[in-house]
Amino acid sequence: MRCGCDVSNPMVAGPFTNWQPFLVPSNLGLSSSPNPTNGLSRVQFSPQEEDRVSLEVYDLNGRLIQEIYSGMADPATSYQFDFDGSALSQGVYLYRLTTSSAVINEKFMITK
């Protein structure tokens, strides 16, 4: 694979062993309510397999606002966390759920 703009000196990325399709698993069920919110909201997800997960809140500039959870997730459990964003300014934010195979974002809006 070659990339870069300089044809005389392109960057070369090393060999790939096989093609891996990019899949977005929808089976994690990441959701939040209410949306929009005045700052208080509940975020929930339900993993389909045991995995290490992290759940964080980001602003739209990519700044981490708060880590809500980091640890192992059990497929027999529906996880729910309350988030108090009442000190944040009005705007759009992201819940980001990261697993070993996926990163899923859920937008939510704070209105005052």
PDB file of N, CA and C in Angstrom:
ATOM      1  N   MET A   1       0.856  -1.173   0.000  1.00  0.00           N
ATOM      2  CA  MET A   1       0.000   0.000   0.000  1.00  0.00           C
ATOM      3  C   MET A   1       0.893   1.224   0.000  1.00  0.00           C
ATOM      4  N   ARG A   2       0.635   2.130  -0.888  1.00  0.00           N
ATOM      5  CA  ARG A   2       1.418   3.353  -0.955  1.00  0.00           C
ATOM      6  C   ARG A   2       0.540   4.538  -0.632  1.00  0.00           C
ATOM      7  N   CYS A   3       1.128   5.482   0.045  1.00  0.00           N
ATOM      8  CA  CYS A   3       0.384   6.702   0.338  1.00  0.00           C
ATOM      9  C   CYS A   3       1.365   7.866   0.345  1.00  0.00           C
ATOM     10  N   GLY A   4       0.846   9.041   0.317  1.00  0.00           N
ATOM     11  CA  GLY A   4       1.680  10.233   0.277  1.00  0.00           C
ATOM     12  C   GLY A   4       1.533  10.940  -1.052  1.00  0.00           C
ATOM     13  N   CYS A   5       1.948  12.169  -1.111  1.00  0.00           N
ATOM     14  CA  CYS A   5       1.781  12.977  -2.312  1.00  0.00           C
ATOM     15  C   CYS A   5       3.026  13.015  -3.180  1.00  0.00           C
ATOM     16  N   ASP A   6       4.173  12.680  -2.616  1.00  0.00           N
ATOM     17  CA  ASP A   6       5.424  12.759  -3.351  1.00  0.00           C
ATOM     18  C   ASP A   6       5.653  11.440  -4.093  1.00  0.00           C
ATOM     19  N   VAL A   7       5.445  11.424  -5.414  1.00  0.00           N
ATOM     20  CA  VAL A   7       5.556  10.216  -6.216  1.00  0.00           C
ATOM     21  C   VAL A   7       6.975   9.672  -6.206  1.00  0.00           C
ATOM     22  N   SER A   8       7.984  10.557  -6.090  1.00  0.00           N
ATOM     23  CA  SER A   8       9.365  10.095  -6.124  1.00  0.00           C
ATOM     24  C   SER A   8       9.799   9.434  -4.813  1.00  0.00           C
ATOM     25  N   ASN A   9       9.063   9.682  -3.723  1.00  0.00           N
ATOM     26  CA  ASN A   9       9.427   9.117  -2.431  1.00  0.00           C
ATOM     27  C   ASN A   9       8.170   8.774  -1.633  1.00  0.00           C
ATOM     28  N   PRO A  10       7.370   7.813  -2.135  1.00  0.00           N
ATOM     29  CA  PRO A  10       6.134   7.484  -1.407  1.00  0.00           C
ATOM     30  C   PRO A  10       6.427   6.706  -0.134  1.00  0.00           C
ATOM     31  N   MET A  11       5.533   6.841   0.830  1.00  0.00           N
ATOM     32  CA  MET A  11       5.630   6.028   2.038  1.00  0.00           C
ATOM     33  C   MET A  11       4.999   4.678   1.731  1.00  0.00           C
ATOM     34  N   VAL A  12       5.604   3.631   2.225  1.00  0.00           N
ATOM     35  CA  VAL A  12       5.084   2.289   1.985  1.00  0.00           C
ATOM     36  C   VAL A  12       4.750   1.654   3.327  1.00  0.00           C
ATOM     37  N   ALA A  13       3.509   1.182   3.464  1.00  0.00           N
ATOM     38  CA  ALA A  13       3.086   0.482   4.670  1.00  0.00           C
ATOM     39  C   ALA A  13       3.316  -1.002   4.454  1.00  0.00           C
ATOM     40  N   GLY A  14       3.841  -1.671   5.439  1.00  0.00           N
ATOM     41  CA  GLY A  14       4.233  -3.073   5.349  1.00  0.00           C
ATOM     42  C   GLY A  14       3.110  -4.022   4.986  1.00  0.00           C
ATOM     43  N   PRO A  15       3.468  -5.257   4.681  1.00  0.00           N
ATOM     44  CA  PRO A  15       2.532  -6.213   4.094  1.00  0.00           C
ATOM     45  C   PRO A  15       1.361  -6.534   5.010  1.00  0.00           C
ATOM     46  N   PHE A  16       0.222  -6.705   4.386  1.00  0.00           N
ATOM     47  CA  PHE A  16      -0.982  -7.116   5.094  1.00  0.00           C
ATOM     48  C   PHE A  16      -1.141  -8.617   4.896  1.00  0.00           C
ATOM     49  N   THR A  17      -1.499  -9.321   5.928  1.00  0.00           N
ATOM     50  CA  THR A  17      -1.637 -10.769   5.815  1.00  0.00           C
ATOM     51  C   THR A  17      -2.954 -11.168   5.161  1.00  0.00           C
ATOM     52  N   ASN A  18      -4.013 -10.427   5.420  1.00  0.00           N
ATOM     53  CA  ASN A  18      -5.292 -10.687   4.769  1.00  0.00           C
ATOM     54  C   ASN A  18      -6.197  -9.481   4.942  1.00  0.00           C
ATOM     55  N   TRP A  19      -7.268  -9.468   4.188  1.00  0.00           N
ATOM     56  CA  TRP A  19      -8.229  -8.360   4.225  1.00  0.00           C
ATOM     57  C   TRP A  19      -9.181  -8.560   5.390  1.00  0.00           C
ATOM     58  N   GLN A  20      -9.367  -7.526   6.209  1.00  0.00           N
ATOM     59  CA  GLN A  20     -10.293  -7.589   7.328  1.00  0.00           C
ATOM     60  C   GLN A  20     -11.394  -6.567   7.101  1.00  0.00           C
ATOM     61  N   PRO A  21     -12.628  -7.012   6.906  1.00  0.00           N
ATOM     62  CA  PRO A  21     -13.715  -6.049   6.706  1.00  0.00           C
ATOM     63  C   PRO A  21     -13.983  -5.259   7.977  1.00  0.00           C
ATOM     64  N   PHE A  22     -14.413  -4.028   7.804  1.00  0.00           N
ATOM     65  CA  PHE A  22     -14.748  -3.166   8.923  1.00  0.00           C
ATOM     66  C   PHE A  22     -16.218  -3.365   9.237  1.00  0.00           C
ATOM     67  N   LEU A  23     -16.495  -3.838  10.424  1.00  0.00           N
ATOM     68  CA  LEU A  23     -17.870  -4.090  10.831  1.00  0.00           C
ATOM     69  C   LEU A  23     -18.215  -3.205  12.014  1.00  0.00           C
ATOM     70  N   VAL A  24     -19.418  -2.690  12.028  1.00  0.00           N
ATOM     71  CA  VAL A  24     -19.910  -1.911  13.152  1.00  0.00           C
ATOM     72  C   VAL A  24     -20.968  -2.741  13.856  1.00  0.00           C
ATOM     73  N   PRO A  25     -20.615  -3.338  14.982  1.00  0.00           N
ATOM     74  CA  PRO A  25     -21.595  -4.180  15.648  1.00  0.00           C
ATOM     75  C   PRO A  25     -22.723  -3.352  16.244  1.00  0.00           C
ATOM     76  N   SER A  26     -23.932  -3.697  15.898  1.00  0.00           N
ATOM     77  CA  SER A  26     -25.082  -2.984  16.442  1.00  0.00           C
ATOM     78  C   SER A  26     -25.651  -3.727  17.629  1.00  0.00           C
ATOM     79  N   ASN A  27     -25.042  -4.856  17.982  1.00  0.00           N
ATOM     80  CA  ASN A  27     -25.590  -5.690  19.033  1.00  0.00           C
ATOM     81  C   ASN A  27     -25.201  -5.243  20.440  1.00  0.00           C
ATOM     82  N   LEU A  28     -24.492  -4.135  20.590  1.00  0.00           N
ATOM     83  CA  LEU A  28     -24.143  -3.645  21.912  1.00  0.00           C
ATOM     84  C   LEU A  28     -25.270  -2.811  22.514  1.00  0.00           C
ATOM     85  N   GLY A  29     -26.157  -2.329  21.677  1.00  0.00           N
ATOM     86  CA  GLY A  29     -27.327  -1.619  22.170  1.00  0.00           C
ATOM     87  C   GLY A  29     -27.014  -0.382  22.981  1.00  0.00           C
ATOM     88  N   LEU A  30     -26.058   0.420  22.559  1.00  0.00           N
ATOM     89  CA  LEU A  30     -25.722   1.650  23.274  1.00  0.00           C
ATOM     90  C   LEU A  30     -26.827   2.671  23.061  1.00  0.00           C
ATOM     91  N   SER A  31     -27.382   3.200  24.147  1.00  0.00           N
ATOM     92  CA  SER A  31     -28.432   4.215  24.043  1.00  0.00           C
ATOM     93  C   SER A  31     -28.400   5.098  25.283  1.00  0.00           C
ATOM     94  N   SER A  32     -29.022   6.263  25.161  1.00  0.00           N
ATOM     95  CA  SER A  32     -29.106   7.175  26.297  1.00  0.00           C
ATOM     96  C   SER A  32     -30.487   7.821  26.322  1.00  0.00           C
ATOM     97  N   SER A  33     -30.920   8.192  27.516  1.00  0.00           N
ATOM     98  CA  SER A  33     -32.200   8.876  27.663  1.00  0.00           C
ATOM     99  C   SER A  33     -32.169   9.710  28.938  1.00  0.00           C
ATOM    100  N   PRO A  34     -32.903  10.785  29.003  1.00  0.00           N
ATOM    101  CA  PRO A  34     -33.597  11.389  27.870  1.00  0.00           C
ATOM    102  C   PRO A  34     -32.600  12.064  26.937  1.00  0.00           C
ATOM    103  N   ASN A  35     -33.010  12.285  25.749  1.00  0.00           N
ATOM    104  CA  ASN A  35     -32.170  12.968  24.762  1.00  0.00           C
ATOM    105  C   ASN A  35     -33.074  13.796  23.863  1.00  0.00           C
ATOM    106  N   PRO A  36     -33.017  15.117  23.955  1.00  0.00           N
ATOM    107  CA  PRO A  36     -32.077  15.955  24.731  1.00  0.00           C
ATOM    108  C   PRO A  36     -32.355  15.893  26.234  1.00  0.00           C
ATOM    109  N   THR A  37     -31.350  16.349  26.974  1.00  0.00           N
ATOM    110  CA  THR A  37     -31.420  16.326  28.430  1.00  0.00           C
ATOM    111  C   THR A  37     -31.035  17.687  28.998  1.00  0.00           C
ATOM    112  N   ASN A  38     -31.430  17.938  30.244  1.00  0.00           N
ATOM    113  CA  ASN A  38     -30.994  19.164  30.920  1.00  0.00           C
ATOM    114  C   ASN A  38     -29.627  18.970  31.569  1.00  0.00           C
ATOM    115  N   GLY A  39     -29.067  17.773  31.411  1.00  0.00           N
ATOM    116  CA  GLY A  39     -27.753  17.459  31.966  1.00  0.00           C
ATOM    117  C   GLY A  39     -27.729  16.102  32.625  1.00  0.00           C
ATOM    118  N   LEU A  40     -28.854  15.672  33.169  1.00  0.00           N
ATOM    119  CA  LEU A  40     -28.928  14.364  33.806  1.00  0.00           C
ATOM    120  C   LEU A  40     -29.447  13.349  32.797  1.00  0.00           C
ATOM    121  N   SER A  41     -28.668  12.292  32.580  1.00  0.00           N
ATOM    122  CA  SER A  41     -29.102  11.272  31.625  1.00  0.00           C
ATOM    123  C   SER A  41     -28.619   9.902  32.077  1.00  0.00           C
ATOM    124  N   ARG A  42     -29.203   8.893  31.487  1.00  0.00           N
ATOM    125  CA  ARG A  42     -28.828   7.506  31.748  1.00  0.00           C
ATOM    126  C   ARG A  42     -28.360   6.894  30.442  1.00  0.00           C
ATOM    127  N   VAL A  43     -27.193   6.272  30.476  1.00  0.00           N
ATOM    128  CA  VAL A  43     -26.648   5.592  29.304  1.00  0.00           C
ATOM    129  C   VAL A  43     -26.629   4.105  29.616  1.00  0.00           C
ATOM    130  N   GLN A  44     -26.952   3.302  28.611  1.00  0.00           N
ATOM    131  CA  GLN A  44     -26.995   1.859  28.837  1.00  0.00           C
ATOM    132  C   GLN A  44     -26.464   1.104  27.630  1.00  0.00           C
ATOM    133  N   PHE A  45     -25.938  -0.076  27.900  1.00  0.00           N
ATOM    134  CA  PHE A  45     -25.490  -0.968  26.837  1.00  0.00           C
ATOM    135  C   PHE A  45     -25.610  -2.401  27.312  1.00  0.00           C
ATOM    136  N   SER A  46     -25.707  -3.317  26.354  1.00  0.00           N
ATOM    137  CA  SER A  46     -25.837  -4.749  26.639  1.00  0.00           C
ATOM    138  C   SER A  46     -24.887  -5.522  25.736  1.00  0.00           C
ATOM    139  N   PRO A  47     -23.749  -5.958  26.248  1.00  0.00           N
ATOM    140  CA  PRO A  47     -22.802  -6.705  25.411  1.00  0.00           C
ATOM    141  C   PRO A  47     -23.323  -8.104  25.086  1.00  0.00           C
ATOM    142  N   GLN A  48     -22.916  -8.624  23.943  1.00  0.00           N
ATOM    143  CA  GLN A  48     -23.314  -9.964  23.535  1.00  0.00           C
ATOM    144  C   GLN A  48     -22.268 -11.017  23.886  1.00  0.00           C
ATOM    145  N   GLU A  49     -21.083 -10.561  24.286  1.00  0.00           N
ATOM    146  CA  GLU A  49     -20.026 -11.480  24.709  1.00  0.00           C
ATOM    147  C   GLU A  49     -19.191 -10.801  25.777  1.00  0.00           C
ATOM    148  N   GLU A  50     -18.477 -11.595  26.560  1.00  0.00           N
ATOM    149  CA  GLU A  50     -17.623 -11.037  27.597  1.00  0.00           C
ATOM    150  C   GLU A  50     -16.480 -10.281  26.932  1.00  0.00           C
ATOM    151  N   ASP A  51     -16.244  -9.071  27.389  1.00  0.00           N
ATOM    152  CA  ASP A  51     -15.215  -8.241  26.771  1.00  0.00           C
ATOM    153  C   ASP A  51     -14.836  -7.127  27.734  1.00  0.00           C
ATOM    154  N   ARG A  52     -13.645  -6.595  27.559  1.00  0.00           N
ATOM    155  CA  ARG A  52     -13.240  -5.394  28.294  1.00  0.00           C
ATOM    156  C   ARG A  52     -13.835  -4.202  27.567  1.00  0.00           C
ATOM    157  N   VAL A  53     -14.490  -3.318  28.308  1.00  0.00           N
ATOM    158  CA  VAL A  53     -15.126  -2.146  27.711  1.00  0.00           C
ATOM    159  C   VAL A  53     -14.746  -0.894  28.485  1.00  0.00           C
ATOM    160  N   SER A  54     -14.835   0.239  27.791  1.00  0.00           N
ATOM    161  CA  SER A  54     -14.756   1.524  28.471  1.00  0.00           C
ATOM    162  C   SER A  54     -15.880   2.396  27.923  1.00  0.00           C
ATOM    163  N   LEU A  55     -16.488   3.151  28.803  1.00  0.00           N
ATOM    164  CA  LEU A  55     -17.563   4.065  28.453  1.00  0.00           C
ATOM    165  C   LEU A  55     -17.139   5.454  28.901  1.00  0.00           C
ATOM    166  N   GLU A  56     -17.074   6.381  27.948  1.00  0.00           N
ATOM    167  CA  GLU A  56     -16.581   7.734  28.230  1.00  0.00           C
ATOM    168  C   GLU A  56     -17.493   8.767  27.595  1.00  0.00           C
ATOM    169  N   VAL A  57     -17.390  10.002  28.085  1.00  0.00           N
ATOM    170  CA  VAL A  57     -18.114  11.135  27.515  1.00  0.00           C
ATOM    171  C   VAL A  57     -17.084  12.074  26.899  1.00  0.00           C
ATOM    172  N   TYR A  58     -17.351  12.488  25.648  1.00  0.00           N
ATOM    173  CA  TYR A  58     -16.480  13.417  24.924  1.00  0.00           C
ATOM    174  C   TYR A  58     -17.293  14.600  24.428  1.00  0.00           C
ATOM    175  N   ASP A  59     -16.623  15.742  24.273  1.00  0.00           N
ATOM    176  CA  ASP A  59     -17.267  16.844  23.565  1.00  0.00           C
ATOM    177  C   ASP A  59     -16.967  16.684  22.077  1.00  0.00           C
ATOM    178  N   LEU A  60     -17.541  17.541  21.244  1.00  0.00           N
ATOM    179  CA  LEU A  60     -17.367  17.400  19.798  1.00  0.00           C
ATOM    180  C   LEU A  60     -15.986  17.808  19.313  1.00  0.00           C
ATOM    181  N   ASN A  61     -15.153  18.366  20.195  1.00  0.00           N
ATOM    182  CA  ASN A  61     -13.765  18.669  19.847  1.00  0.00           C
ATOM    183  C   ASN A  61     -12.842  17.506  20.179  1.00  0.00           C
ATOM    184  N   GLY A  62     -13.414  16.402  20.658  1.00  0.00           N
ATOM    185  CA  GLY A  62     -12.623  15.218  20.976  1.00  0.00           C
ATOM    186  C   GLY A  62     -12.003  15.225  22.357  1.00  0.00           C
ATOM    187  N   ARG A  63     -12.391  16.179  23.201  1.00  0.00           N
ATOM    188  CA  ARG A  63     -11.853  16.239  24.562  1.00  0.00           C
ATOM    189  C   ARG A  63     -12.627  15.289  25.464  1.00  0.00           C
ATOM    190  N   LEU A  64     -11.888  14.505  26.230  1.00  0.00           N
ATOM    191  CA  LEU A  64     -12.509  13.610  27.195  1.00  0.00           C
ATOM    192  C   LEU A  64     -13.113  14.436  28.326  1.00  0.00           C
ATOM    193  N   ILE A  65     -14.398  14.238  28.574  1.00  0.00           N
ATOM    194  CA  ILE A  65     -15.083  14.937  29.664  1.00  0.00           C
ATOM    195  C   ILE A  65     -15.040  14.085  30.934  1.00  0.00           C
ATOM    196  N   GLN A  66     -15.395  12.795  30.782  1.00  0.00           N
ATOM    197  CA  GLN A  66     -15.415  11.919  31.950  1.00  0.00           C
ATOM    198  C   GLN A  66     -15.388  10.458  31.522  1.00  0.00           C
ATOM    199  N   GLU A  67     -14.646   9.649  32.255  1.00  0.00           N
ATOM    200  CA  GLU A  67     -14.722   8.207  32.081  1.00  0.00           C
ATOM    201  C   GLU A  67     -15.803   7.707  33.037  1.00  0.00           C
ATOM    202  N   ILE A  68     -16.797   7.021  32.490  1.00  0.00           N
ATOM    203  CA  ILE A  68     -17.911   6.535  33.298  1.00  0.00           C
ATOM    204  C   ILE A  68     -17.646   5.122  33.802  1.00  0.00           C
ATOM    205  N   TYR A  69     -17.098   4.271  32.942  1.00  0.00           N
ATOM    206  CA  TYR A  69     -16.855   2.879  33.327  1.00  0.00           C
ATOM    207  C   TYR A  69     -15.687   2.339  32.524  1.00  0.00           C
ATOM    208  N   SER A  70     -14.886   1.492  33.182  1.00  0.00           N
ATOM    209  CA  SER A  70     -13.825   0.763  32.512  1.00  0.00           C
ATOM    210  C   SER A  70     -13.672  -0.569  33.224  1.00  0.00           C
ATOM    211  N   GLY A  71     -13.849  -1.647  32.479  1.00  0.00           N
ATOM    212  CA  GLY A  71     -13.720  -2.960  33.089  1.00  0.00           C
ATOM    213  C   GLY A  71     -14.317  -4.036  32.203  1.00  0.00           C
ATOM    214  N   MET A  72     -14.452  -5.220  32.761  1.00  0.00           N
ATOM    215  CA  MET A  72     -15.032  -6.334  32.028  1.00  0.00           C
ATOM    216  C   MET A  72     -16.550  -6.196  32.014  1.00  0.00           C
ATOM    217  N   ALA A  73     -17.142  -6.601  30.898  1.00  0.00           N
ATOM    218  CA  ALA A  73     -18.596  -6.584  30.758  1.00  0.00           C
ATOM    219  C   ALA A  73     -19.078  -8.005  30.515  1.00  0.00           C
ATOM    220  N   ASP A  74     -20.095  -8.388  31.234  1.00  0.00           N
ATOM    221  CA  ASP A  74     -20.670  -9.725  31.177  1.00  0.00           C
ATOM    222  C   ASP A  74     -21.868  -9.728  30.228  1.00  0.00           C
ATOM    223  N   PRO A  75     -21.948 -10.689  29.327  1.00  0.00           N
ATOM    224  CA  PRO A  75     -23.049 -10.703  28.354  1.00  0.00           C
ATOM    225  C   PRO A  75     -24.417 -10.945  28.974  1.00  0.00           C
ATOM    226  N   ALA A  76     -24.477 -11.424  30.193  1.00  0.00           N
ATOM    227  CA  ALA A  76     -25.767 -11.683  30.836  1.00  0.00           C
ATOM    228  C   ALA A  76     -26.299 -10.448  31.562  1.00  0.00           C
ATOM    229  N   THR A  77     -25.619  -9.310  31.412  1.00  0.00           N
ATOM    230  CA  THR A  77     -25.963  -8.113  32.171  1.00  0.00           C
ATOM    231  C   THR A  77     -26.257  -6.940  31.253  1.00  0.00           C
ATOM    232  N   SER A  78     -27.271  -6.171  31.613  1.00  0.00           N
ATOM    233  CA  SER A  78     -27.535  -4.897  30.953  1.00  0.00           C
ATOM    234  C   SER A  78     -26.964  -3.806  31.859  1.00  0.00           C
ATOM    235  N   TYR A  79     -26.029  -3.038  31.348  1.00  0.00           N
ATOM    236  CA  TYR A  79     -25.339  -2.025  32.142  1.00  0.00           C
ATOM    237  C   TYR A  79     -26.040  -0.678  31.992  1.00  0.00           C
ATOM    238  N   GLN A  80     -26.261   0.004  33.121  1.00  0.00           N
ATOM    239  CA  GLN A  80     -26.871   1.332  33.130  1.00  0.00           C
ATOM    240  C   GLN A  80     -26.069   2.231  34.053  1.00  0.00           C
ATOM    241  N   PHE A  81     -25.773   3.428  33.557  1.00  0.00           N
ATOM    242  CA  PHE A  81     -25.019   4.398  34.341  1.00  0.00           C
ATOM    243  C   PHE A  81     -25.703   5.749  34.232  1.00  0.00           C
ATOM    244  N   ASP A  82     -25.767   6.463  35.353  1.00  0.00           N
ATOM    245  CA  ASP A  82     -26.289   7.820  35.348  1.00  0.00           C
ATOM    246  C   ASP A  82     -25.124   8.777  35.157  1.00  0.00           C
ATOM    247  N   PHE A  83     -25.329   9.763  34.296  1.00  0.00           N
ATOM    248  CA  PHE A  83     -24.301  10.774  34.036  1.00  0.00           C
ATOM    249  C   PHE A  83     -24.877  12.138  34.361  1.00  0.00           C
ATOM    250  N   ASP A  84     -24.161  12.907  35.171  1.00  0.00           N
ATOM    251  CA  ASP A  84     -24.590  14.262  35.516  1.00  0.00           C
ATOM    252  C   ASP A  84     -23.735  15.257  34.742  1.00  0.00           C
ATOM    253  N   GLY A  85     -24.295  15.752  33.654  1.00  0.00           N
ATOM    254  CA  GLY A  85     -23.615  16.746  32.841  1.00  0.00           C
ATOM    255  C   GLY A  85     -24.188  18.136  33.038  1.00  0.00           C
ATOM    256  N   SER A  86     -24.856  18.362  34.182  1.00  0.00           N
ATOM    257  CA  SER A  86     -25.514  19.652  34.405  1.00  0.00           C
ATOM    258  C   SER A  86     -24.525  20.809  34.503  1.00  0.00           C
ATOM    259  N   ALA A  87     -23.262  20.534  34.815  1.00  0.00           N
ATOM    260  CA  ALA A  87     -22.255  21.600  34.882  1.00  0.00           C
ATOM    261  C   ALA A  87     -21.680  21.926  33.502  1.00  0.00           C
ATOM    262  N   LEU A  88     -21.996  21.102  32.498  1.00  0.00           N
ATOM    263  CA  LEU A  88     -21.491  21.337  31.141  1.00  0.00           C
ATOM    264  C   LEU A  88     -22.333  22.393  30.439  1.00  0.00           C
ATOM    265  N   SER A  89     -21.728  23.043  29.462  1.00  0.00           N
ATOM    266  CA  SER A  89     -22.484  24.030  28.698  1.00  0.00           C
ATOM    267  C   SER A  89     -23.414  23.320  27.714  1.00  0.00           C
ATOM    268  N   GLN A  90     -24.401  24.053  27.272  1.00  0.00           N
ATOM    269  CA  GLN A  90     -25.361  23.541  26.302  1.00  0.00           C
ATOM    270  C   GLN A  90     -24.629  23.117  25.037  1.00  0.00           C
ATOM    271  N   GLY A  91     -25.025  21.988  24.457  1.00  0.00           N
ATOM    272  CA  GLY A  91     -24.389  21.535  23.228  1.00  0.00           C
ATOM    273  C   GLY A  91     -24.540  20.039  23.026  1.00  0.00           C
ATOM    274  N   VAL A  92     -23.814  19.525  22.021  1.00  0.00           N
ATOM    275  CA  VAL A  92     -23.857  18.108  21.674  1.00  0.00           C
ATOM    276  C   VAL A  92     -22.605  17.436  22.218  1.00  0.00           C
ATOM    277  N   TYR A  93     -22.797  16.260  22.794  1.00  0.00           N
ATOM    278  CA  TYR A  93     -21.713  15.468  23.371  1.00  0.00           C
ATOM    279  C   TYR A  93     -21.846  14.029  22.879  1.00  0.00           C
ATOM    280  N   LEU A  94     -20.835  13.223  23.163  1.00  0.00           N
ATOM    281  CA  LEU A  94     -20.832  11.827  22.728  1.00  0.00           C
ATOM    282  C   LEU A  94     -20.589  10.896  23.897  1.00  0.00           C
ATOM    283  N   TYR A  95     -21.387   9.846  23.961  1.00  0.00           N
ATOM    284  CA  TYR A  95     -21.023   8.691  24.759  1.00  0.00           C
ATOM    285  C   TYR A  95     -20.217   7.801  23.825  1.00  0.00           C
ATOM    286  N   ARG A  96     -19.048   7.365  24.261  1.00  0.00           N
ATOM    287  CA  ARG A  96     -18.210   6.489  23.437  1.00  0.00           C
ATOM    288  C   ARG A  96     -17.990   5.180  24.185  1.00  0.00           C
ATOM    289  N   LEU A  97     -18.438   4.091  23.567  1.00  0.00           N
ATOM    290  CA  LEU A  97     -18.247   2.751  24.107  1.00  0.00           C
ATOM    291  C   LEU A  97     -17.170   2.066  23.284  1.00  0.00           C
ATOM    292  N   THR A  98     -16.092   1.662  23.938  1.00  0.00           N
ATOM    293  CA  THR A  98     -14.972   1.023  23.261  1.00  0.00           C
ATOM    294  C   THR A  98     -14.834  -0.407  23.768  1.00  0.00           C
ATOM    295  N   THR A  99     -14.784  -1.354  22.832  1.00  0.00           N
ATOM    296  CA  THR A  99     -14.539  -2.760  23.156  1.00  0.00           C
ATOM    297  C   THR A  99     -13.267  -3.180  22.424  1.00  0.00           C
ATOM    298  N   SER A 100     -12.911  -4.444  22.526  1.00  0.00           N
ATOM    299  CA  SER A 100     -11.710  -4.923  21.840  1.00  0.00           C
ATOM    300  C   SER A 100     -11.892  -4.941  20.326  1.00  0.00           C
ATOM    301  N   SER A 101     -13.133  -4.892  19.849  1.00  0.00           N
ATOM    302  CA  SER A 101     -13.361  -4.978  18.405  1.00  0.00           C
ATOM    303  C   SER A 101     -14.154  -3.817  17.821  1.00  0.00           C
ATOM    304  N   ALA A 102     -14.577  -2.857  18.640  1.00  0.00           N
ATOM    305  CA  ALA A 102     -15.430  -1.797  18.109  1.00  0.00           C
ATOM    306  C   ALA A 102     -15.351  -0.532  18.951  1.00  0.00           C
ATOM    307  N   VAL A 103     -15.674   0.573  18.301  1.00  0.00           N
ATOM    308  CA  VAL A 103     -15.879   1.852  18.977  1.00  0.00           C
ATOM    309  C   VAL A 103     -17.223   2.373  18.490  1.00  0.00           C
ATOM    310  N   ILE A 104     -18.140   2.590  19.431  1.00  0.00           N
ATOM    311  CA  ILE A 104     -19.485   3.039  19.084  1.00  0.00           C
ATOM    312  C   ILE A 104     -19.751   4.358  19.787  1.00  0.00           C
ATOM    313  N   ASN A 105     -20.296   5.322  19.046  1.00  0.00           N
ATOM    314  CA  ASN A 105     -20.629   6.627  19.596  1.00  0.00           C
ATOM    315  C   ASN A 105     -22.136   6.837  19.592  1.00  0.00           C
ATOM    316  N   GLU A 106     -22.625   7.467  20.652  1.00  0.00           N
ATOM    317  CA  GLU A 106     -24.031   7.836  20.746  1.00  0.00           C
ATOM    318  C   GLU A 106     -24.073   9.330  21.087  1.00  0.00           C
ATOM    319  N   LYS A 107     -24.655  10.124  20.197  1.00  0.00           N
ATOM    320  CA  LYS A 107     -24.754  11.570  20.450  1.00  0.00           C
ATOM    321  C   LYS A 107     -25.875  11.846  21.426  1.00  0.00           C
ATOM    322  N   PHE A 108     -25.636  12.843  22.264  1.00  0.00           N
ATOM    323  CA  PHE A 108     -26.718  13.351  23.106  1.00  0.00           C
ATOM    324  C   PHE A 108     -26.544  14.855  23.247  1.00  0.00           C
ATOM    325  N   MET A 109     -27.670  15.525  23.494  1.00  0.00           N
ATOM    326  CA  MET A 109     -27.672  16.989  23.549  1.00  0.00           C
ATOM    327  C   MET A 109     -28.069  17.468  24.934  1.00  0.00           C
ATOM    328  N   ILE A 110     -27.313  18.451  25.398  1.00  0.00           N
ATOM    329  CA  ILE A 110     -27.663  19.118  26.660  1.00  0.00           C
ATOM    330  C   ILE A 110     -28.283  20.460  26.304  1.00  0.00           C
ATOM    331  N   THR A 111     -29.498  20.683  26.799  1.00  0.00           N
ATOM    332  CA  THR A 111     -30.195  21.958  26.595  1.00  0.00           C
ATOM    333  C   THR A 111     -30.508  22.546  27.960  1.00  0.00           C
ATOM    334  N   LYS A 112     -30.483  23.843  28.031  1.00  0.00           N
ATOM    335  CA  LYS A 112     -30.754  24.509  29.327  1.00  0.00           C
ATOM    336  C   LYS A 112     -31.823  25.558  29.167  1.00  0.00           C
TER     337      LYS A 112
END
